[in-house]
Amino acid sequence: MYNTSYHRASSVDDAAAKFGGGEDAKYLAGGMTLIATMKQRLASPSDLVDLRHAPELKGISVNGASVRIGAGVTHFEVATSSALRAVCPAITQLAGMIGDPHVRHMGTMGGSVANNDPAADYPSAVLALDAAVVTNKRRIAADDYFRGMFETALSDGELIVAFEFEAPAKAGYSKFANPASRYAMAGVFVAKSASGAVRVAVTGAGSNGVFRHAGMEAALAANWSPDAVGNADVDEGLMMADIHGSSAYRANLVRVMAKRAVIAAG
């Protein structure tokens, strides 16, 4: 047994102050990962700072092409947002694929991206949409944010407040989900900006977490079609291998999911 002090934060500033007052504090968003690891005694924080009542983390706003999603917005809220669906249906579809109804009603976009699980869905969306990760201290470009498996640019105590991006001209997401966990064994998010820039992000398959695929980006920039990525070179040496699939299997999944993502984007 161990003691954990629970704190309910009323604002982002209050959360940061409570975090700083703990010896080994952790932020609690939806708790989909943290509570599970605590139950398994893989984490034993001295303090839990509950973010669910901080108003700055709530809400989805769409102003023209400018999109802002609060870090505390749940997967369910993203999946069912008519405002988001009007400008970026791919991210609403992605959110609707996460876990089960319980997970979607409790889990948050901010919690997922802060944890940066290599099989999580949202990191691919943030990276492909070239989103800014807005924290209580700064703005971090997506390309600078993800540092590897479970690693991010966040400093100790830094808190994600929101995600901001420009709505894409086209975007699509497709994943091959583990049938038990619904985590991505391979997921690909493709996006073309209003200016024509193409970004392709892969999750679930890389041995070092989410990554951009430069070859697919160049192929789609030249020819936006499923055929352009169907034969793309995917380095098996960079792919994850585990009981669910070999690196060669995942490399093939990446190509297949990329084709499906482009089809979904239209």
Protein backbone atom coordinates (compact mmCIF):
# COMPACT_ATOMS: atom_id res chain seq x y z
CA MET A 1 0.00 0.00 0.00
CA TYR A 2 1.07 3.59 -0.55
CA ASN A 3 -0.45 6.99 0.07
CA THR A 4 -1.59 9.26 -2.75
CA SER A 5 -3.00 12.73 -2.21
CA TYR A 6 -5.81 13.76 -4.56
CA HIS A 7 -6.19 17.38 -5.69
CA ARG A 8 -8.98 18.84 -7.84
CA ALA A 9 -7.60 21.70 -9.92
CA SER A 10 -9.95 24.59 -10.65
CA SER A 11 -7.80 26.10 -13.42
CA VAL A 12 -4.61 25.53 -15.36
CA ASP A 13 -2.65 27.80 -13.01
CA ASP A 14 -4.11 26.00 -10.02
CA ALA A 15 -3.12 22.64 -11.53
CA ALA A 16 0.46 23.80 -12.10
CA ALA A 17 0.71 25.10 -8.54
CA LYS A 18 -0.63 21.86 -7.07
CA PHE A 19 1.70 19.83 -9.26
CA GLY A 20 4.68 21.85 -8.09
CA GLY A 21 3.73 21.24 -4.48
CA GLY A 22 3.94 17.47 -4.81
CA GLU A 23 7.02 15.34 -4.34
CA ASP A 24 6.21 13.06 -7.28
CA ALA A 25 2.99 14.44 -8.73
CA LYS A 26 1.12 13.32 -11.84
CA TYR A 27 -1.59 15.04 -13.84
CA LEU A 28 -4.81 13.05 -14.14
CA ALA A 29 -6.90 13.63 -17.27
CA GLY A 30 -9.15 10.72 -18.24
CA GLY A 31 -7.04 8.25 -16.30
CA MET A 32 -7.18 5.61 -19.02
CA THR A 33 -3.46 4.90 -18.71
CA LEU A 34 -2.44 6.30 -15.34
CA ILE A 35 -5.08 4.57 -13.23
CA ALA A 36 -4.33 1.23 -14.89
CA THR A 37 -0.60 1.56 -14.21
CA MET A 38 -1.29 2.54 -10.60
CA LYS A 39 -3.46 -0.55 -10.14
CA GLN A 40 -0.58 -2.67 -11.39
CA ARG A 41 1.83 -0.85 -9.05
CA LEU A 42 3.81 0.37 -12.03
CA ALA A 43 3.26 3.96 -10.90
CA SER A 44 2.91 5.31 -7.37
CA PRO A 45 2.61 9.11 -7.55
CA SER A 46 2.65 11.08 -4.31
CA ASP A 47 -0.06 13.42 -5.67
CA LEU A 48 -2.74 13.25 -8.35
CA VAL A 49 -3.81 16.57 -9.85
CA ASP A 50 -7.23 16.13 -11.46
CA LEU A 51 -7.61 18.30 -14.57
CA ARG A 52 -11.23 17.51 -15.41
CA HIS A 53 -12.62 20.70 -13.84
CA ALA A 54 -10.21 23.21 -15.42
CA PRO A 55 -12.33 25.26 -17.86
CA GLU A 56 -9.35 26.29 -20.04
CA LEU A 57 -8.99 22.67 -21.16
CA LYS A 58 -12.54 22.38 -22.45
CA GLY A 59 -14.22 23.14 -25.74
CA ILE A 60 -13.82 22.86 -29.49
CA SER A 61 -13.79 26.02 -31.60
CA VAL A 62 -13.72 26.39 -35.38
CA ASN A 63 -13.20 29.87 -36.80
CA GLY A 64 -13.06 29.62 -40.55
CA ALA A 65 -10.18 27.23 -41.17
CA SER A 66 -8.66 27.73 -37.71
CA VAL A 67 -9.35 24.85 -35.32
CA ARG A 68 -8.71 24.67 -31.59
CA ILE A 69 -9.39 21.57 -29.50
CA GLY A 70 -9.03 21.76 -25.73
CA ALA A 71 -6.72 19.17 -24.22
CA GLY A 72 -9.47 18.04 -21.85
CA VAL A 73 -11.93 17.29 -24.65
CA THR A 74 -12.90 13.62 -24.64
CA HIS A 75 -12.66 11.24 -27.58
CA PHE A 76 -16.46 11.11 -27.65
CA GLU A 77 -16.69 14.89 -27.93
CA VAL A 78 -14.23 14.90 -30.82
CA ALA A 79 -16.04 12.05 -32.55
CA THR A 80 -19.45 13.71 -32.30
CA SER A 81 -18.48 17.34 -32.99
CA SER A 82 -20.42 18.63 -35.99
CA ALA A 83 -18.11 21.66 -36.20
CA LEU A 84 -15.05 19.42 -36.51
CA ARG A 85 -16.77 17.07 -38.92
CA ALA A 86 -17.50 19.99 -41.23
CA VAL A 87 -13.83 20.95 -41.60
CA CYS A 88 -11.86 17.79 -40.73
CA PRO A 89 -13.98 14.63 -40.70
CA ALA A 90 -10.84 12.49 -40.52
CA ILE A 91 -10.15 13.44 -36.89
CA THR A 92 -13.74 12.75 -35.86
CA GLN A 93 -13.53 9.33 -37.50
CA LEU A 94 -10.21 8.66 -35.77
CA ALA A 95 -11.72 9.50 -32.36
CA GLY A 96 -14.67 7.21 -33.00
CA MET A 97 -12.30 4.26 -33.48
CA ILE A 98 -10.62 4.59 -30.09
CA GLY A 99 -11.27 1.87 -27.53
CA ASP A 100 -14.84 1.28 -26.43
CA PRO A 101 -17.63 3.66 -25.28
CA HIS A 102 -16.24 3.86 -21.73
CA VAL A 103 -12.79 4.83 -22.98
CA ARG A 104 -14.22 7.35 -25.45
CA HIS A 105 -16.31 9.06 -22.76
CA MET A 106 -13.43 9.29 -20.26
CA GLY A 107 -10.21 9.50 -22.27
CA THR A 108 -8.99 12.87 -23.51
CA MET A 109 -7.00 14.05 -26.50
CA GLY A 110 -4.51 15.83 -24.24
CA GLY A 111 -3.94 12.76 -22.10
CA SER A 112 -3.30 10.60 -25.15
CA VAL A 113 -0.82 13.00 -26.74
CA ALA A 114 0.95 13.69 -23.44
CA ASN A 115 1.44 9.95 -22.90
CA ASN A 116 2.55 9.41 -26.52
CA ASP A 117 1.87 5.69 -26.52
CA PRO A 118 3.41 4.26 -29.71
CA ALA A 119 0.08 2.61 -30.61
CA ALA A 120 -2.16 5.61 -29.86
CA ASP A 121 -4.19 7.22 -32.64
CA TYR A 122 -4.05 10.97 -31.93
CA PRO A 123 -0.27 11.42 -32.34
CA SER A 124 -0.63 10.62 -36.03
CA ALA A 125 -3.36 13.26 -36.42
CA VAL A 126 -1.36 15.92 -34.58
CA LEU A 127 1.72 15.20 -36.68
CA ALA A 128 -0.05 14.93 -40.05
CA LEU A 129 -2.15 18.05 -39.45
CA ASP A 130 0.99 20.00 -38.43
CA ALA A 131 -0.80 21.03 -35.24
CA ALA A 132 0.65 23.25 -32.56
CA VAL A 133 0.69 21.74 -29.08
CA VAL A 134 -0.23 24.66 -26.82
CA THR A 135 0.93 24.30 -23.23
CA ASN A 136 0.76 26.49 -20.15
CA LYS A 137 4.25 27.70 -21.05
CA ARG A 138 4.64 27.79 -24.85
CA ARG A 139 3.59 26.56 -28.31
CA ILE A 140 5.35 23.46 -29.62
CA ALA A 141 5.28 22.50 -33.29
CA ALA A 142 4.19 18.92 -33.90
CA ASP A 143 7.52 18.09 -35.57
CA ASP A 144 9.34 19.18 -32.41
CA TYR A 145 6.94 17.62 -29.91
CA PHE A 146 7.28 13.87 -30.46
CA ARG A 147 10.67 12.59 -29.31
CA GLY A 148 10.25 8.80 -29.48
CA MET A 149 8.33 6.06 -27.73
CA PHE A 150 6.54 7.59 -24.70
CA GLU A 151 8.86 10.61 -25.01
CA THR A 152 7.79 14.19 -25.73
CA ALA A 153 9.15 17.73 -25.55
CA LEU A 154 7.13 18.45 -22.40
CA SER A 155 9.18 19.52 -19.41
CA ASP A 156 8.40 18.39 -15.88
CA GLY A 157 5.09 19.89 -14.80
CA GLU A 158 4.32 21.35 -18.23
CA LEU A 159 0.68 20.89 -19.13
CA ILE A 160 -0.98 20.65 -22.55
CA VAL A 161 -3.83 23.17 -22.79
CA ALA A 162 -4.99 22.81 -26.42
CA PHE A 163 -4.20 21.80 -29.98
CA GLU A 164 -4.42 24.29 -32.82
CA PHE A 165 -4.25 23.64 -36.57
CA GLU A 166 -5.52 24.84 -39.92
CA ALA A 167 -8.25 22.66 -41.41
CA PRO A 168 -6.83 20.56 -44.24
CA ALA A 169 -8.09 20.54 -47.81
CA LYS A 170 -8.14 16.76 -47.59
CA ALA A 171 -7.41 14.29 -44.80
CA GLY A 172 -8.01 10.64 -44.05
CA TYR A 173 -7.15 8.06 -41.40
CA SER A 174 -7.13 4.29 -41.46
CA LYS A 175 -5.88 1.80 -38.93
CA PHE A 176 -5.59 -1.93 -38.43
CA ALA A 177 -6.70 -2.34 -34.83
CA ASN A 178 -5.72 -5.02 -32.36
CA PRO A 179 -9.06 -6.82 -31.88
CA ALA A 180 -8.71 -6.89 -28.09
CA SER A 181 -7.36 -3.45 -27.19
CA ARG A 182 -8.38 -1.48 -30.32
CA TYR A 183 -4.90 0.04 -30.28
CA ALA A 184 -3.38 0.57 -33.72
CA MET A 185 -1.10 -2.18 -34.99
CA ALA A 186 -0.64 0.24 -37.87
CA GLY A 187 -2.44 3.50 -38.44
CA VAL A 188 -1.82 6.10 -41.15
CA PHE A 189 -3.12 9.68 -41.24
CA VAL A 190 -2.73 11.55 -44.51
CA ALA A 191 -3.38 15.28 -44.95
CA LYS A 192 -3.09 17.84 -47.72
CA SER A 193 -3.12 21.48 -46.66
CA ALA A 194 -4.87 24.30 -48.48
CA SER A 195 -1.50 25.25 -49.96
CA GLY A 196 -0.96 21.71 -51.27
CA ALA A 197 1.60 20.53 -48.71
CA VAL A 198 1.25 16.82 -47.93
CA ARG A 199 2.02 15.16 -44.61
CA VAL A 200 1.76 11.45 -43.80
CA ALA A 201 2.08 10.20 -40.23
CA VAL A 202 2.29 6.56 -39.13
CA THR A 203 1.40 5.25 -35.69
CA GLY A 204 1.32 1.78 -34.14
CA ALA A 205 4.01 0.31 -36.39
CA GLY A 206 7.24 2.21 -35.76
CA SER A 207 9.72 0.88 -33.23
CA ASN A 208 10.34 4.46 -32.05
CA GLY A 209 6.75 5.66 -32.01
CA VAL A 210 4.86 7.93 -34.40
CA PHE A 211 6.76 9.17 -37.44
CA ARG A 212 6.33 10.93 -40.80
CA HIS A 213 6.90 8.98 -44.00
CA ALA A 214 8.78 11.26 -46.40
CA GLY A 215 8.53 8.86 -49.34
CA MET A 216 4.75 8.70 -49.17
CA GLU A 217 4.55 12.47 -48.77
CA ALA A 218 6.55 13.01 -51.95
CA ALA A 219 4.53 10.40 -53.83
CA LEU A 220 1.19 11.94 -52.84
CA ALA A 221 2.41 15.46 -53.58
CA ALA A 222 3.09 14.32 -57.13
CA ASN A 223 -0.01 12.15 -57.49
CA TRP A 224 -2.76 12.16 -54.87
CA SER A 225 -4.06 8.62 -55.34
CA PRO A 226 -4.01 5.28 -53.48
CA ASP A 227 -1.71 3.84 -56.16
CA ALA A 228 0.95 6.42 -55.26
CA VAL A 229 1.52 4.85 -51.83
CA GLY A 230 0.66 1.23 -52.57
CA ASN A 231 4.23 0.31 -53.46
CA ALA A 232 6.03 2.77 -51.21
CA ASP A 233 9.22 1.62 -49.54
CA VAL A 234 8.60 0.98 -45.84
CA ASP A 235 11.80 0.05 -43.99
CA GLU A 236 11.17 -3.15 -42.05
CA GLY A 237 14.14 -2.31 -39.85
CA LEU A 238 12.21 0.64 -38.43
CA MET A 239 9.09 -1.39 -37.70
CA MET A 240 7.97 -2.87 -34.40
CA ALA A 241 7.89 -6.65 -33.97
CA ASP A 242 5.98 -8.39 -31.18
CA ILE A 243 3.57 -11.25 -30.52
CA HIS A 244 0.95 -9.52 -32.66
CA GLY A 245 2.99 -9.19 -35.83
CA SER A 246 6.46 -9.20 -37.34
CA SER A 247 8.22 -6.14 -38.69
CA ALA A 248 7.55 -7.31 -42.26
CA TYR A 249 3.86 -7.72 -41.47
CA ARG A 250 3.65 -4.22 -40.03
CA ALA A 251 5.51 -2.74 -43.00
CA ASN A 252 2.89 -4.20 -45.30
CA LEU A 253 0.11 -2.95 -43.01
CA VAL A 254 1.50 0.58 -43.30
CA ARG A 255 1.21 0.46 -47.08
CA VAL A 256 -2.31 -0.95 -46.94
CA MET A 257 -3.50 1.56 -44.33
CA ALA A 258 -1.94 4.41 -46.31
CA LYS A 259 -3.93 3.41 -49.40
CA ARG A 260 -7.13 3.22 -47.35
CA ALA A 261 -6.43 6.60 -45.73
CA VAL A 262 -6.05 8.23 -49.15
CA ILE A 263 -9.31 6.62 -50.28
CA ALA A 264 -11.02 7.90 -47.13
CA ALA A 265 -9.67 11.39 -47.80
CA GLY A 266 -11.11 11.40 -51.31
